[in-house]
Amino acid sequence: MSTKYKRVLIKISGEALAGQNRFGLDTGTVEEISKNIKKCVDLGVAVAVVVGGGNFWRGRSGENMDRTRADHMGMLATVINALALCDALEYQGVPTRVQTAIDMRQIAEPYIRGKAVRHLEKDRVVIFGCGTGNPFFSTDTTAALRAAEIDAEIILLAKKVDGVYDSDPNENPDAVRFDRLSYIEVLNRGLGVMDSTATSLCMDNNIPILVFGLDNPSNIVKAVNGEVIGTLVSRDGK
């Protein structure tokens, strides 16, 4: 079976890994995600993953906390998620490597672009932790940066919501979902797809973004097959 994409980067939010909980990891959710990533690998798709850390730490807990230190704490949270997903994938028999932007050789490889690409060529899933390794940059920006570096064809942005809306669907029952958008529309309208830095980086490198819900983890397979789900953000919005 031929898939639409041969190399993808999946961005999984920390909140999505928490499942129905607000905090921590939901083992059933992580297992289902890993099963569907395995299906993509079995279809011949090279898969890289960037994980968020919002299920353990998000922003500053108090106004007096130093932003840089708070961001470093968030980076460490992403490593917990990366290791959990790695373990679940390896349980499914999928060779997996975790690479971190902050050196922690006892538990993960340091991020090296050439090595990451080589892993993908050998059908290994590569999970990127610690964001970019720099404060003031989100894991959305990490996804855009790593996608550009590994020549991913698309970013699959897996969230708790099933696409991009004109307002928060959790607060506005009349919120309208978009099927397609351009980068400029996302930036000009301030839509909550990715932060502006990440969106601009995708626009500069012409990397499309598919935003979809992870409430059904099989959406990952549907996405790599090119099925119409969620919201597609691209240069011309078509």
Foldseek 3Di string as FASTA:
>chain_A
DDWPFQEEEEEEEQCQQCPPDQADGDLVLLLLLLVLVVVCLVNNHQYEYEYWQRRHADADPDPPDDQFVSLQVRLVSSVVVQVSSCVSNVVVVAAEFEEECDDDPVRHHHDDLVVCLVCSVVSHYYYYTSQNVGGPDGNLLSSLVSCLSNVGQAYEYEDQAAAWWLDDCVVDVPTDGAQWEELVCCVVSVTPPDPNNSSVSCLVSFHKYFYGYCSPSNVVVCVRRPHRTYYIYTHVRD
